[in-house]
Amino acid sequence: MLGCTNLVNGSTTAGSSAVVNKGTGTSFTYTNRNAGTGVYTAPPNAINKLVGNANGTWTETQPDGLTLNYNSSGALATIKRTSDTWTLTYNAQQQVASIKDPVNHGPLELGHEKYRLGDLNPYVLADP
């Protein structure tokens, strides 16, 4: 599932800069959010575009068009490629509880008793 994973320590607020932590352990600090467009200035070596949306969410777009949408808490909420959307839901502990696929096979339910989500790589968006 495109390497997406659970949220770890995700706490975000809108601001002039934001940090995107990838599952590889790499962090990218985007700065200078444009007040009119919401577009951040990407750091060196970052190829993705980051937009802080007016509703307090974020949209990260890869050059190939894949979009990662983060909710107002910084948790990865949806992944979209063309017309296909994967939707993630979280439990009270902010662990990924289910992933709904784009062809409605029903959500993939994650039983945290059986799976250690800590073994999954985090995708987190947080202010520095």
N, C-alpha and C. Protein backbone atom coordinates (compact mmCIF):
# COMPACT_ATOMS: atom_id res chain seq x y z
N MET A 1 0.85 -1.18 0.00
CA MET A 1 0.00 0.00 0.00
C MET A 1 0.89 1.23 0.00
N LEU A 2 1.66 1.41 -1.01
CA LEU A 2 2.44 2.61 -1.24
C LEU A 2 3.35 2.97 -0.07
N GLY A 3 3.61 2.06 0.81
CA GLY A 3 4.51 2.32 1.92
C GLY A 3 3.94 3.22 3.00
N CYS A 4 2.62 3.42 3.05
CA CYS A 4 2.12 4.31 4.08
C CYS A 4 1.90 3.58 5.38
N THR A 5 1.88 4.37 6.41
CA THR A 5 1.96 3.80 7.73
C THR A 5 1.24 4.61 8.77
N ASN A 6 1.58 4.34 10.01
CA ASN A 6 0.86 4.99 11.09
C ASN A 6 1.46 6.32 11.51
N LEU A 7 0.69 7.06 12.25
CA LEU A 7 1.10 8.36 12.76
C LEU A 7 1.83 8.16 14.08
N VAL A 8 2.94 8.81 14.21
CA VAL A 8 3.69 8.76 15.46
C VAL A 8 3.95 10.18 15.93
N ASN A 9 3.47 10.53 17.10
CA ASN A 9 3.66 11.86 17.68
C ASN A 9 3.28 12.98 16.72
N GLY A 10 2.14 12.88 16.09
CA GLY A 10 1.72 13.88 15.13
C GLY A 10 0.96 15.01 15.77
N SER A 11 1.58 16.15 15.84
CA SER A 11 0.90 17.31 16.36
C SER A 11 1.30 18.48 15.49
N THR A 12 0.33 19.11 14.88
CA THR A 12 0.65 20.16 13.93
C THR A 12 -0.19 21.39 14.19
N THR A 13 0.34 22.50 13.80
CA THR A 13 -0.41 23.75 13.79
C THR A 13 0.00 24.48 12.53
N ALA A 14 -0.90 25.28 12.01
CA ALA A 14 -0.57 26.06 10.82
C ALA A 14 0.51 27.06 11.18
N GLY A 15 1.42 27.27 10.29
CA GLY A 15 2.48 28.22 10.55
C GLY A 15 3.25 28.52 9.28
N SER A 16 4.33 29.29 9.42
CA SER A 16 5.11 29.66 8.25
C SER A 16 6.07 28.57 7.82
N SER A 17 6.26 27.53 8.66
CA SER A 17 7.09 26.40 8.27
C SER A 17 6.44 25.10 8.74
N ALA A 18 6.81 24.01 8.09
CA ALA A 18 6.28 22.70 8.44
C ALA A 18 7.34 21.65 8.13
N VAL A 19 7.35 20.57 8.92
CA VAL A 19 8.30 19.49 8.71
C VAL A 19 7.53 18.26 8.27
N VAL A 20 7.97 17.64 7.19
CA VAL A 20 7.39 16.39 6.73
C VAL A 20 8.40 15.30 7.03
N ASN A 21 8.02 14.35 7.89
CA ASN A 21 8.87 13.22 8.25
C ASN A 21 8.43 12.01 7.44
N LYS A 22 9.33 11.47 6.65
CA LYS A 22 9.03 10.33 5.79
C LYS A 22 9.32 9.02 6.50
N GLY A 23 8.74 7.95 6.00
CA GLY A 23 8.94 6.63 6.56
C GLY A 23 10.37 6.14 6.48
N THR A 24 11.16 6.77 5.63
CA THR A 24 12.57 6.40 5.50
C THR A 24 13.42 7.00 6.61
N GLY A 25 12.80 7.88 7.42
CA GLY A 25 13.54 8.57 8.47
C GLY A 25 14.01 9.95 8.04
N THR A 26 13.81 10.28 6.78
CA THR A 26 14.19 11.59 6.25
C THR A 26 13.15 12.63 6.63
N SER A 27 13.61 13.81 7.01
CA SER A 27 12.72 14.93 7.32
C SER A 27 13.00 16.07 6.37
N PHE A 28 11.94 16.72 5.94
CA PHE A 28 12.06 17.89 5.08
C PHE A 28 11.37 19.07 5.75
N THR A 29 12.09 20.16 5.95
CA THR A 29 11.52 21.36 6.54
C THR A 29 11.18 22.34 5.42
N TYR A 30 9.89 22.56 5.25
CA TYR A 30 9.38 23.51 4.26
C TYR A 30 9.20 24.85 4.99
N THR A 31 9.53 25.95 4.33
CA THR A 31 9.49 27.26 4.98
C THR A 31 8.74 28.28 4.14
N ASN A 32 8.62 29.47 4.68
CA ASN A 32 8.09 30.63 3.96
C ASN A 32 6.74 30.37 3.30
N ARG A 33 5.78 29.93 4.09
CA ARG A 33 4.44 29.67 3.54
C ARG A 33 3.86 30.96 2.96
N ASN A 34 3.44 30.88 1.71
CA ASN A 34 2.83 32.03 1.04
C ASN A 34 1.43 32.22 1.59
N ALA A 35 1.15 33.39 2.14
CA ALA A 35 -0.15 33.66 2.77
C ALA A 35 -1.30 33.58 1.78
N GLY A 36 -1.05 33.89 0.53
CA GLY A 36 -2.12 33.87 -0.46
C GLY A 36 -2.41 32.49 -1.02
N THR A 37 -1.36 31.74 -1.34
CA THR A 37 -1.54 30.44 -1.99
C THR A 37 -1.40 29.26 -1.04
N GLY A 38 -0.73 29.47 0.10
CA GLY A 38 -0.48 28.38 1.04
C GLY A 38 0.71 27.53 0.68
N VAL A 39 1.36 27.83 -0.45
CA VAL A 39 2.50 27.03 -0.91
C VAL A 39 3.73 27.36 -0.08
N TYR A 40 4.42 26.31 0.39
CA TYR A 40 5.66 26.46 1.13
C TYR A 40 6.84 26.41 0.16
N THR A 41 7.96 27.01 0.56
CA THR A 41 9.20 26.88 -0.18
C THR A 41 9.82 25.55 0.21
N ALA A 42 10.12 24.74 -0.79
CA ALA A 42 10.70 23.42 -0.53
C ALA A 42 12.16 23.54 -0.15
N PRO A 43 12.62 22.64 0.73
CA PRO A 43 14.04 22.65 1.09
C PRO A 43 14.87 22.04 -0.04
N PRO A 44 16.21 22.23 0.01
CA PRO A 44 17.06 21.58 -0.99
C PRO A 44 16.83 20.07 -0.99
N ASN A 45 16.86 19.48 -2.14
CA ASN A 45 16.71 18.03 -2.35
C ASN A 45 15.28 17.52 -2.17
N ALA A 46 14.34 18.38 -1.86
CA ALA A 46 12.94 17.94 -1.78
C ALA A 46 12.31 18.16 -3.15
N ILE A 47 11.63 17.13 -3.65
CA ILE A 47 11.02 17.25 -4.97
C ILE A 47 9.51 17.44 -4.88
N ASN A 48 8.94 17.24 -3.70
CA ASN A 48 7.49 17.36 -3.54
C ASN A 48 7.09 18.79 -3.21
N LYS A 49 5.88 19.13 -3.60
CA LYS A 49 5.28 20.43 -3.30
C LYS A 49 4.40 20.27 -2.07
N LEU A 50 4.46 21.24 -1.15
CA LEU A 50 3.62 21.21 0.05
C LEU A 50 2.77 22.46 0.10
N VAL A 51 1.47 22.27 0.33
CA VAL A 51 0.54 23.38 0.45
C VAL A 51 -0.18 23.27 1.79
N GLY A 52 -0.19 24.37 2.53
CA GLY A 52 -1.00 24.47 3.74
C GLY A 52 -2.36 25.00 3.34
N ASN A 53 -3.38 24.19 3.45
CA ASN A 53 -4.72 24.56 3.00
C ASN A 53 -5.41 25.47 4.01
N ALA A 54 -6.37 26.25 3.54
CA ALA A 54 -7.08 27.21 4.39
C ALA A 54 -7.81 26.55 5.56
N ASN A 55 -8.18 25.26 5.41
CA ASN A 55 -8.92 24.56 6.46
C ASN A 55 -8.01 23.91 7.50
N GLY A 56 -6.70 24.18 7.44
CA GLY A 56 -5.77 23.63 8.44
C GLY A 56 -5.20 22.28 8.08
N THR A 57 -5.48 21.78 6.89
CA THR A 57 -4.91 20.52 6.41
C THR A 57 -3.74 20.84 5.48
N TRP A 58 -3.02 19.79 5.06
CA TRP A 58 -1.90 19.96 4.15
C TRP A 58 -2.04 19.00 2.98
N THR A 59 -1.51 19.40 1.84
CA THR A 59 -1.46 18.54 0.66
C THR A 59 -0.03 18.52 0.15
N GLU A 60 0.53 17.33 0.07
CA GLU A 60 1.88 17.13 -0.46
C GLU A 60 1.72 16.45 -1.82
N THR A 61 2.32 17.00 -2.84
CA THR A 61 2.18 16.46 -4.19
C THR A 61 3.54 16.07 -4.75
N GLN A 62 3.63 14.83 -5.22
CA GLN A 62 4.84 14.34 -5.86
C GLN A 62 4.84 14.74 -7.33
N PRO A 63 6.00 14.78 -7.97
CA PRO A 63 6.07 15.14 -9.38
C PRO A 63 5.22 14.24 -10.29
N ASP A 64 5.01 12.98 -9.89
CA ASP A 64 4.22 12.07 -10.71
C ASP A 64 2.71 12.24 -10.50
N GLY A 65 2.31 13.19 -9.65
CA GLY A 65 0.90 13.48 -9.42
C GLY A 65 0.29 12.82 -8.19
N LEU A 66 1.00 11.90 -7.55
CA LEU A 66 0.50 11.28 -6.33
C LEU A 66 0.35 12.35 -5.26
N THR A 67 -0.81 12.40 -4.59
CA THR A 67 -1.01 13.38 -3.53
C THR A 67 -1.20 12.69 -2.19
N LEU A 68 -0.58 13.26 -1.18
CA LEU A 68 -0.70 12.80 0.19
C LEU A 68 -1.41 13.92 0.93
N ASN A 69 -2.56 13.63 1.48
CA ASN A 69 -3.35 14.64 2.19
C ASN A 69 -3.28 14.34 3.68
N TYR A 70 -2.87 15.36 4.45
CA TYR A 70 -2.74 15.25 5.90
C TYR A 70 -3.88 16.02 6.55
N ASN A 71 -4.46 15.45 7.61
CA ASN A 71 -5.54 16.15 8.31
C ASN A 71 -4.97 17.26 9.19
N SER A 72 -5.83 17.97 9.89
CA SER A 72 -5.39 19.11 10.70
C SER A 72 -4.53 18.69 11.89
N SER A 73 -4.50 17.41 12.22
CA SER A 73 -3.62 16.90 13.27
C SER A 73 -2.27 16.46 12.73
N GLY A 74 -2.12 16.49 11.42
CA GLY A 74 -0.87 16.08 10.80
C GLY A 74 -0.84 14.63 10.38
N ALA A 75 -1.90 13.89 10.61
CA ALA A 75 -1.95 12.47 10.25
C ALA A 75 -2.26 12.32 8.76
N LEU A 76 -1.62 11.37 8.13
CA LEU A 76 -1.91 11.06 6.74
C LEU A 76 -3.35 10.59 6.64
N ALA A 77 -4.18 11.30 5.88
CA ALA A 77 -5.61 11.00 5.80
C ALA A 77 -5.98 10.27 4.52
N THR A 78 -5.44 10.72 3.40
CA THR A 78 -5.72 10.06 2.12
C THR A 78 -4.48 10.08 1.24
N ILE A 79 -4.45 9.11 0.36
CA ILE A 79 -3.44 9.03 -0.70
C ILE A 79 -4.22 8.93 -1.99
N LYS A 80 -3.88 9.78 -2.94
CA LYS A 80 -4.64 9.79 -4.19
C LYS A 80 -3.71 9.75 -5.39
N ARG A 81 -4.02 8.84 -6.31
CA ARG A 81 -3.35 8.77 -7.60
C ARG A 81 -4.45 8.76 -8.65
N THR A 82 -4.46 9.76 -9.49
CA THR A 82 -5.52 9.98 -10.48
C THR A 82 -6.88 9.90 -9.78
N SER A 83 -7.71 8.95 -10.16
CA SER A 83 -9.05 8.86 -9.55
C SER A 83 -9.10 7.84 -8.41
N ASP A 84 -7.97 7.25 -8.06
CA ASP A 84 -7.92 6.24 -6.98
C ASP A 84 -7.53 6.90 -5.66
N THR A 85 -8.33 6.64 -4.62
CA THR A 85 -8.06 7.22 -3.30
C THR A 85 -8.06 6.14 -2.23
N TRP A 86 -7.00 6.12 -1.42
CA TRP A 86 -6.92 5.27 -0.24
C TRP A 86 -7.20 6.18 0.96
N THR A 87 -8.05 5.73 1.88
CA THR A 87 -8.43 6.55 3.04
C THR A 87 -8.02 5.83 4.32
N LEU A 88 -7.32 6.54 5.19
CA LEU A 88 -6.85 5.98 6.44
C LEU A 88 -7.71 6.49 7.58
N THR A 89 -8.02 5.62 8.54
CA THR A 89 -8.70 6.03 9.76
C THR A 89 -7.81 5.64 10.94
N TYR A 90 -8.01 6.34 12.05
CA TYR A 90 -7.16 6.16 13.22
C TYR A 90 -7.99 5.83 14.45
N ASN A 91 -7.37 5.10 15.39
CA ASN A 91 -8.04 4.80 16.65
C ASN A 91 -7.71 5.89 17.66
N ALA A 92 -8.16 5.72 18.89
CA ALA A 92 -7.96 6.73 19.93
C ALA A 92 -6.49 6.94 20.27
N GLN A 93 -5.66 5.94 20.01
CA GLN A 93 -4.23 6.04 20.28
C GLN A 93 -3.46 6.62 19.08
N GLN A 94 -4.19 7.11 18.08
CA GLN A 94 -3.61 7.67 16.87
C GLN A 94 -2.81 6.65 16.07
N GLN A 95 -3.23 5.39 16.13
CA GLN A 95 -2.65 4.35 15.30
C GLN A 95 -3.58 4.14 14.12
N VAL A 96 -3.03 3.77 12.97
CA VAL A 96 -3.88 3.49 11.82
C VAL A 96 -4.78 2.31 12.17
N ALA A 97 -6.08 2.53 12.07
CA ALA A 97 -7.06 1.49 12.40
C ALA A 97 -7.53 0.76 11.15
N SER A 98 -7.66 1.49 10.04
CA SER A 98 -8.10 0.84 8.80
C SER A 98 -7.65 1.67 7.61
N ILE A 99 -7.58 0.98 6.48
CA ILE A 99 -7.25 1.62 5.21
C ILE A 99 -8.30 1.16 4.20
N LYS A 100 -9.03 2.11 3.65
CA LYS A 100 -10.05 1.80 2.65
C LYS A 100 -9.43 1.95 1.28
N ASP A 101 -9.57 0.92 0.45
CA ASP A 101 -8.96 0.97 -0.87
C ASP A 101 -9.87 1.65 -1.89
N PRO A 102 -9.33 2.01 -3.05
CA PRO A 102 -10.10 2.78 -4.02
C PRO A 102 -11.19 2.00 -4.76
N VAL A 103 -11.19 0.67 -4.67
CA VAL A 103 -12.22 -0.10 -5.38
C VAL A 103 -13.23 -0.70 -4.41
N ASN A 104 -13.26 -0.16 -3.21
CA ASN A 104 -14.26 -0.52 -2.20
C ASN A 104 -14.32 -2.00 -1.88
N HIS A 105 -13.18 -2.61 -1.71
CA HIS A 105 -13.14 -3.99 -1.24
C HIS A 105 -13.45 -4.05 0.25
N GLY A 106 -13.74 -2.93 0.81
CA GLY A 106 -13.94 -2.86 2.25
C GLY A 106 -12.64 -2.46 2.89
N PRO A 107 -12.70 -1.87 4.06
CA PRO A 107 -11.45 -1.41 4.68
C PRO A 107 -10.60 -2.57 5.16
N LEU A 108 -9.30 -2.39 5.07
CA LEU A 108 -8.34 -3.31 5.66
C LEU A 108 -8.31 -2.95 7.14
N GLU A 109 -8.81 -3.83 7.98
CA GLU A 109 -8.84 -3.56 9.42
C GLU A 109 -7.52 -4.02 10.03
N LEU A 110 -6.93 -3.20 10.83
CA LEU A 110 -5.67 -3.53 11.47
C LEU A 110 -5.92 -3.81 12.94
N GLY A 111 -5.70 -5.06 13.34
CA GLY A 111 -5.86 -5.44 14.74
C GLY A 111 -4.55 -5.23 15.46
N HIS A 112 -4.49 -4.26 16.34
CA HIS A 112 -3.24 -3.90 16.98
C HIS A 112 -2.76 -4.95 17.95
N GLU A 113 -3.61 -5.92 18.29
CA GLU A 113 -3.16 -7.02 19.12
C GLU A 113 -2.27 -7.96 18.30
N LYS A 114 -2.53 -8.02 17.00
CA LYS A 114 -1.80 -8.94 16.13
C LYS A 114 -0.61 -8.29 15.44
N TYR A 115 -0.69 -7.00 15.19
CA TYR A 115 0.33 -6.30 14.43
C TYR A 115 0.95 -5.20 15.27
N ARG A 116 2.23 -5.10 15.24
CA ARG A 116 2.92 -4.02 15.93
C ARG A 116 3.08 -2.88 14.94
N LEU A 117 2.22 -1.89 15.04
CA LEU A 117 2.29 -0.78 14.10
C LEU A 117 3.56 0.02 14.27
N GLY A 118 4.21 -0.11 15.40
CA GLY A 118 5.49 0.56 15.58
C GLY A 118 6.53 0.05 14.59
N ASP A 119 6.30 -1.12 14.01
CA ASP A 119 7.21 -1.66 13.01
C ASP A 119 7.04 -0.98 11.66
N LEU A 120 5.93 -0.26 11.51
CA LEU A 120 5.68 0.43 10.26
C LEU A 120 6.37 1.78 10.28
N ASN A 121 6.72 2.29 9.11
CA ASN A 121 7.42 3.56 9.02
C ASN A 121 6.44 4.72 9.15
N PRO A 122 6.78 5.74 9.94
CA PRO A 122 5.85 6.86 10.13
C PRO A 122 5.88 7.89 9.00
N TYR A 123 4.71 8.40 8.66
CA TYR A 123 4.57 9.58 7.81
C TYR A 123 3.90 10.61 8.69
N VAL A 124 4.62 11.63 9.07
CA VAL A 124 4.10 12.61 10.01
C VAL A 124 4.38 14.01 9.46
N LEU A 125 3.43 14.88 9.66
CA LEU A 125 3.62 16.28 9.31
C LEU A 125 3.55 17.07 10.60
N ALA A 126 4.58 17.83 10.92
CA ALA A 126 4.59 18.58 12.17
C ALA A 126 5.37 19.86 12.00
N ASP A 127 4.95 20.88 12.72
CA ASP A 127 5.73 22.13 12.75
C ASP A 127 7.00 21.88 13.53
N PRO A 128 8.09 22.57 13.14
CA PRO A 128 9.37 22.34 13.87
C PRO A 128 9.31 22.93 15.27
